[in-house]
């Protein structure tokens, strides 16, 4: 299979509200059918698990920046790599749209890639893909969709919001990495806590932390977040939760980083931010291209595999 990145981007900019809705509907059906396993991933609820094998391209927040997405895919040549082998996977950490003017185009391009490589692409949920009862402010997505689709914006916006509950809460590369958009809660103990945080019952209290929380170097345990949702969690929380899951590093997005990435908690937390420019004004974006079979002790071991642009 040959995949033309330029054609995907052209489709994204040419898409009408109808073609956008059709793509969202198609990928929603794909995601809803991901039960038990998809490709090399085991699926438990909204947790995708993978053995420490193969390679992965990990992409952080994009926030409507189509140019950064194109830079990542062009420079990494990773679409070609996925065409050559199913052991190459791509994981998005969430926050595809909102804040950036090309939100609709980013959503379209990412969903198109999922459609083309349905067994190799995992789409995670960010706080900007959160539930209605944890709103984001400022929330620019309706304005972006009105500008992009005109009077037909309402259905396109409703459809993209309808796909959010089907996105993954977490990805676990066994013995290596736990990937969550925001952060950890001190009383996370089981895979079920990650897999079913989006469902009703006693697990729902974890979803807010997973989407909204941030690591803090000074917190003793957890403290309220200035964001108004989630918490600031300590190095102690990171170490204890990672140990329970047998993971070495938490890989997350959610926070702007001037150089595209940041390492916290003595190397146990790696934050990726994969877009740059207004309204965040970070100098660089970054992505991670990593061999899952390679053993790591901390995020510092991953620095050679971080690519800044």
Protein backbone atom coordinates (compact mmCIF):
# COMPACT_ATOMS: atom_id res chain seq x y z
CA UNK A 1 0.00 0.00 0.00
CA UNK A 2 1.28 3.45 -0.95
CA UNK A 3 0.13 6.44 1.10
CA UNK A 4 0.51 9.99 -0.16
CA UNK A 5 0.80 12.49 2.70
CA UNK A 6 0.18 15.43 0.36
CA UNK A 7 -3.06 13.83 -0.80
CA UNK A 8 -4.24 13.32 2.80
CA UNK A 9 -3.58 16.98 3.55
CA UNK A 10 -5.31 18.09 0.35
CA UNK A 11 -8.34 15.99 1.29
CA UNK A 12 -8.37 17.58 4.73
CA UNK A 13 -8.48 21.09 3.29
CA UNK A 14 -10.97 20.20 0.54
CA UNK A 15 -13.36 18.26 2.80
CA UNK A 16 -16.94 19.48 2.96
CA UNK A 17 -19.04 19.08 6.08
CA UNK A 18 -20.57 15.99 4.46
CA UNK A 19 -17.25 14.29 3.70
CA UNK A 20 -15.94 15.22 7.15
CA UNK A 21 -19.01 13.67 8.80
CA UNK A 22 -18.71 10.55 6.64
CA UNK A 23 -15.10 10.03 7.75
CA UNK A 24 -15.94 10.59 11.42
CA UNK A 25 -18.81 8.10 11.16
CA UNK A 26 -16.55 5.51 9.53
CA UNK A 27 -13.79 5.81 12.14
CA UNK A 28 -16.33 5.82 14.98
CA UNK A 29 -17.52 2.42 13.77
CA UNK A 30 -13.89 1.21 13.61
CA UNK A 31 -13.19 2.36 17.17
CA UNK A 32 -16.41 0.92 18.52
CA UNK A 33 -15.40 -2.45 17.08
CA UNK A 34 -12.00 -2.53 18.77
CA UNK A 35 -12.78 -5.15 21.39
CA UNK A 36 -10.37 -7.80 22.67
CA UNK A 37 -7.56 -7.05 20.23
CA UNK A 38 -6.65 -4.86 17.29
CA UNK A 39 -3.45 -5.57 15.41
CA UNK A 40 -0.70 -6.13 17.98
CA UNK A 41 -2.67 -4.45 20.76
CA UNK A 42 -4.74 -6.17 23.41
CA UNK A 43 -7.81 -4.10 24.21
CA UNK A 44 -9.41 -3.92 27.64
CA UNK A 45 -12.15 -1.32 27.76
CA UNK A 46 -10.38 1.89 26.72
CA UNK A 47 -6.89 0.62 27.50
CA UNK A 48 -4.64 -0.57 24.66
CA UNK A 49 -1.78 -2.86 25.69
CA UNK A 50 1.21 -3.94 23.63
CA UNK A 51 4.13 -6.28 24.21
CA UNK A 52 7.59 -4.62 24.32
CA UNK A 53 8.14 -5.33 20.62
CA UNK A 54 8.22 -3.26 17.43
CA UNK A 55 8.54 0.48 16.98
CA UNK A 56 6.31 3.40 17.83
CA UNK A 57 5.89 7.00 16.76
CA UNK A 58 4.43 8.92 19.70
CA UNK A 59 2.77 12.28 18.98
CA UNK A 60 1.73 14.76 21.66
CA UNK A 61 -0.72 17.67 21.55
CA UNK A 62 -1.41 19.13 18.09
CA UNK A 63 -4.16 21.64 18.91
CA UNK A 64 -5.16 22.37 15.34
CA UNK A 65 -1.62 22.84 13.98
CA UNK A 66 -1.65 21.01 10.65
CA UNK A 67 1.83 22.25 9.74
CA UNK A 68 3.36 20.53 12.76
CA UNK A 69 1.54 17.29 11.94
CA UNK A 70 2.86 17.45 8.36
CA UNK A 71 6.39 18.15 9.63
CA UNK A 72 6.24 15.09 11.91
CA UNK A 73 4.92 12.73 9.24
CA UNK A 74 7.19 14.04 6.49
CA UNK A 75 10.40 14.13 8.53
CA UNK A 76 9.84 10.76 10.21
CA UNK A 77 8.75 9.06 6.97
CA UNK A 78 6.68 6.95 9.32
CA UNK A 79 3.71 6.43 7.01
CA UNK A 80 6.10 4.61 4.68
CA UNK A 81 7.40 2.56 7.60
CA UNK A 82 3.88 1.54 8.58
CA UNK A 83 3.25 0.49 4.98
CA UNK A 84 6.28 -1.80 5.13
CA UNK A 85 5.48 -3.57 8.39
CA UNK A 86 2.70 -4.06 10.90
CA UNK A 87 5.17 -3.92 13.82
CA UNK A 88 5.32 -0.15 13.34
CA UNK A 89 2.59 1.64 15.30
CA UNK A 90 1.57 5.26 15.79
CA UNK A 91 0.14 6.57 19.05
CA UNK A 92 -1.47 9.98 19.46
CA UNK A 93 -1.69 11.29 23.05
CA UNK A 94 -4.80 13.44 22.45
CA UNK A 95 -5.69 17.13 22.02
CA UNK A 96 -5.92 17.08 18.23
CA UNK A 97 -8.05 20.18 17.85
CA UNK A 98 -9.15 23.33 19.66
CA UNK A 99 -6.99 26.46 20.09
CA UNK A 100 -5.46 26.15 16.57
CA UNK A 101 -7.15 27.46 13.42
CA UNK A 102 -6.81 24.21 11.45
CA UNK A 103 -8.55 21.99 13.99
CA UNK A 104 -10.93 20.45 11.44
CA UNK A 105 -8.03 19.66 9.11
CA UNK A 106 -6.01 18.00 11.88
CA UNK A 107 -8.96 15.89 12.97
CA UNK A 108 -9.58 14.88 9.35
CA UNK A 109 -5.93 13.96 8.68
CA UNK A 110 -5.55 11.97 11.90
CA UNK A 111 -8.81 10.09 11.34
CA UNK A 112 -7.84 9.38 7.74
CA UNK A 113 -4.55 7.87 8.92
CA UNK A 114 -6.50 5.75 11.41
CA UNK A 115 -8.80 4.61 8.60
CA UNK A 116 -5.82 3.64 6.42
CA UNK A 117 -3.86 1.92 9.22
CA UNK A 118 -6.65 0.82 11.51
CA UNK A 119 -4.59 -1.92 13.22
CA UNK A 120 -1.50 0.24 13.72
CA UNK A 121 -2.85 3.57 14.97
CA UNK A 122 -4.10 4.28 18.50
CA UNK A 123 -6.01 7.49 19.17
CA UNK A 124 -5.99 8.58 22.80
CA UNK A 125 -8.31 11.02 24.50
CA UNK A 126 -7.06 14.41 25.68
CA UNK A 127 -8.74 16.91 27.96
CA UNK A 128 -9.95 18.73 24.83
CA UNK A 129 -11.73 15.49 23.94
CA UNK A 130 -13.19 15.19 27.42
CA UNK A 131 -16.76 14.59 28.57
CA UNK A 132 -19.36 17.34 28.66
CA UNK A 133 -19.27 17.55 32.46
CA UNK A 134 -15.58 18.56 32.46
CA UNK A 135 -15.62 21.52 30.06
CA UNK A 136 -12.55 23.20 28.59
CA UNK A 137 -12.08 26.97 28.69
CA UNK A 138 -11.34 28.70 26.41
CA UNK A 139 -13.13 26.41 23.95
CA UNK A 140 -12.46 27.61 20.41
CA UNK A 141 -13.55 24.54 18.45
CA UNK A 142 -17.10 25.76 17.60
CA UNK A 143 -15.66 28.98 16.16
CA UNK A 144 -13.15 27.01 14.10
CA UNK A 145 -15.89 24.76 12.73
CA UNK A 146 -18.16 27.72 11.92
CA UNK A 147 -15.34 29.32 9.96
CA UNK A 148 -14.45 26.07 8.22
CA UNK A 149 -17.90 24.66 7.39
CA UNK A 150 -20.24 27.66 7.45
CA UNK A 151 -23.90 26.92 8.10
CA UNK A 152 -23.19 23.16 8.14
CA UNK A 153 -20.78 23.41 11.06
CA UNK A 154 -23.22 22.09 13.69
CA UNK A 155 -23.43 18.49 12.48
CA UNK A 156 -19.66 18.29 11.92
CA UNK A 157 -19.01 19.59 15.43
CA UNK A 158 -21.55 17.23 16.99
CA UNK A 159 -20.07 14.26 15.13
CA UNK A 160 -16.49 14.97 16.20
CA UNK A 161 -17.62 15.32 19.80
CA UNK A 162 -19.46 12.02 19.42
CA UNK A 163 -16.23 10.18 18.66
CA UNK A 164 -14.51 11.31 21.89
CA UNK A 165 -15.91 8.57 24.17
CA UNK A 166 -14.48 5.96 21.76
CA UNK A 167 -10.91 7.23 22.13
CA UNK A 168 -8.50 5.42 24.45
CA UNK A 169 -7.83 6.48 28.04
CA UNK A 170 -4.35 4.97 28.14
CA UNK A 171 -1.75 2.87 26.34
CA UNK A 172 0.49 0.43 28.18
CA UNK A 173 3.67 -0.90 26.60
CA UNK A 174 4.36 -3.74 28.99
CA UNK A 175 7.48 -3.41 31.16
CA UNK A 176 8.23 -0.04 29.52
CA UNK A 177 5.75 2.82 29.21
CA UNK A 178 2.42 3.97 30.54
CA UNK A 179 0.89 6.62 28.27
CA UNK A 180 -1.82 8.90 29.59
CA UNK A 181 -2.72 12.35 28.28
CA UNK A 182 -2.64 14.14 31.64
CA UNK A 183 -1.58 12.31 34.75
CA UNK A 184 -1.84 9.80 37.55
CA UNK A 185 -3.97 9.37 40.64
CA UNK A 186 -2.37 7.90 43.79
CA UNK A 187 -5.06 5.24 44.18
CA UNK A 188 -4.74 3.76 40.69
CA UNK A 189 -4.01 0.08 41.32
CA UNK A 190 -5.34 -2.02 38.47
CA UNK A 191 -5.63 -2.12 34.70
CA UNK A 192 -9.38 -1.78 35.18
CA UNK A 193 -8.80 1.63 36.76
CA UNK A 194 -7.31 2.76 33.44
CA UNK A 195 -9.56 0.80 31.12
CA UNK A 196 -12.94 1.76 32.55
CA UNK A 197 -12.33 5.30 33.78
CA UNK A 198 -14.74 6.53 31.09
CA UNK A 199 -17.63 4.36 32.29
CA UNK A 200 -20.13 4.80 35.06
CA UNK A 201 -19.29 3.54 38.52
CA UNK A 202 -16.39 4.02 40.89
CA UNK A 203 -13.79 4.25 38.10
CA UNK A 204 -15.12 7.51 36.67
CA UNK A 205 -13.25 9.51 39.29
CA UNK A 206 -9.99 8.58 37.54
CA UNK A 207 -10.93 10.07 34.16
CA UNK A 208 -10.53 13.66 35.31
CA UNK A 209 -7.03 12.97 36.65
CA UNK A 210 -6.05 11.08 33.51
CA UNK A 211 -7.12 13.95 31.27
CA UNK A 212 -6.20 16.96 33.39
CA UNK A 213 -3.51 16.32 36.02
CA UNK A 214 0.11 17.49 35.82
CA UNK A 215 3.38 16.41 37.48
CA UNK A 216 4.77 18.83 40.06
CA UNK A 217 8.24 18.89 41.57
CA UNK A 218 7.14 20.40 44.88
CA UNK A 219 3.92 18.55 45.72
CA UNK A 220 4.12 16.16 48.67
CA UNK A 221 1.33 13.97 47.30
CA UNK A 222 -1.47 15.60 45.30
CA UNK A 223 -2.65 19.20 45.46
CA UNK A 224 -5.43 21.07 43.63
CA UNK A 225 -4.51 22.15 40.12
CA UNK A 226 -4.65 25.79 39.01
CA UNK A 227 -6.38 24.49 35.89
CA UNK A 228 -9.56 24.00 37.95
CA UNK A 229 -9.69 20.29 37.11
CA UNK A 230 -7.36 17.44 37.96
CA UNK A 231 -4.48 17.68 40.43
CA UNK A 232 -0.78 18.31 40.66
CA UNK A 233 0.84 14.98 41.51
CA UNK A 234 4.19 14.31 43.15
CA UNK A 235 7.24 12.26 42.31
CA UNK A 236 6.13 9.84 45.04
CA UNK A 237 2.79 9.28 43.26
CA UNK A 238 4.58 8.73 39.94
CA UNK A 239 7.01 6.20 41.37
CA UNK A 240 4.36 4.26 43.26
CA UNK A 241 1.86 4.06 40.39
CA UNK A 242 4.48 3.12 37.79
CA UNK A 243 5.80 0.41 40.11
CA UNK A 244 2.31 -1.09 40.46
CA UNK A 245 2.04 -1.43 36.70
CA UNK A 246 5.63 -2.53 36.13
CA UNK A 247 6.29 0.50 33.90
CA UNK A 248 9.46 2.59 33.82
CA UNK A 249 8.25 5.90 32.37
CA UNK A 250 5.01 7.86 32.14
CA UNK A 251 4.69 9.42 28.66
CA UNK A 252 2.13 12.21 28.50
CA UNK A 253 1.12 15.41 26.72
CA UNK A 254 -1.13 18.17 28.09
CA UNK A 255 1.51 20.84 28.83
CA UNK A 256 3.26 23.24 26.49
CA UNK A 257 7.04 22.77 26.51
CA UNK A 258 9.33 25.40 25.03
CA UNK A 259 11.63 22.78 23.48
CA UNK A 260 8.80 20.35 22.67
CA UNK A 261 9.47 18.04 25.61
CA UNK A 262 10.20 18.10 29.32
CA UNK A 263 11.41 15.51 31.82
CA UNK A 264 10.11 15.49 35.40
CA UNK A 265 10.30 13.42 38.58
CA UNK A 266 13.93 12.34 38.19
CA UNK A 267 13.32 10.89 34.76
CA UNK A 268 10.07 9.07 35.43
CA UNK A 269 7.85 11.48 33.42
CA UNK A 270 8.27 12.57 29.80
CA UNK A 271 5.95 15.29 28.49
CA UNK A 272 5.60 15.67 24.71
CA UNK A 273 4.15 18.73 23.01
CA UNK A 274 4.01 18.20 19.25
CA UNK A 275 2.94 21.59 17.94
CA UNK A 276 4.46 25.04 18.11
CA UNK A 277 3.53 28.66 17.73
CA UNK A 278 0.42 30.69 18.63
CA UNK A 279 -1.31 30.56 21.06
CA UNK A 280 1.37 28.67 23.01
CA UNK A 281 4.47 30.33 21.54
CA UNK A 282 6.79 27.43 22.32
CA UNK A 283 9.95 27.56 20.21
CA UNK A 284 9.96 23.87 19.21
CA UNK A 285 7.65 20.90 18.95
CA UNK A 286 8.80 17.31 19.43
CA UNK A 287 7.82 13.71 18.83
CA UNK A 288 9.25 10.40 19.99
CA UNK A 289 10.35 7.59 17.69
CA UNK A 290 11.19 4.61 19.87
CA UNK A 291 12.01 0.91 19.71
CA UNK A 292 9.71 -0.74 22.25
CA UNK A 293 12.08 -3.66 22.73
CA UNK A 294 14.82 -1.39 24.06
CA UNK A 295 14.97 -1.45 27.85
CA UNK A 296 14.91 1.92 29.58
CA UNK A 297 15.38 3.04 33.16
CA UNK A 298 14.21 6.63 32.78
CA UNK A 299 13.06 9.23 30.28
CA UNK A 300 16.65 10.43 30.00
CA UNK A 301 17.33 7.22 28.05
CA UNK A 302 14.79 8.41 25.46
CA UNK A 303 16.43 11.76 24.68
CA UNK A 304 18.35 10.37 21.67
CA UNK A 305 15.02 9.28 20.15
CA UNK A 306 13.26 12.62 20.62
CA UNK A 307 12.98 14.63 17.43
CA UNK A 308 12.54 18.40 17.66
CA UNK A 309 11.27 20.56 14.83
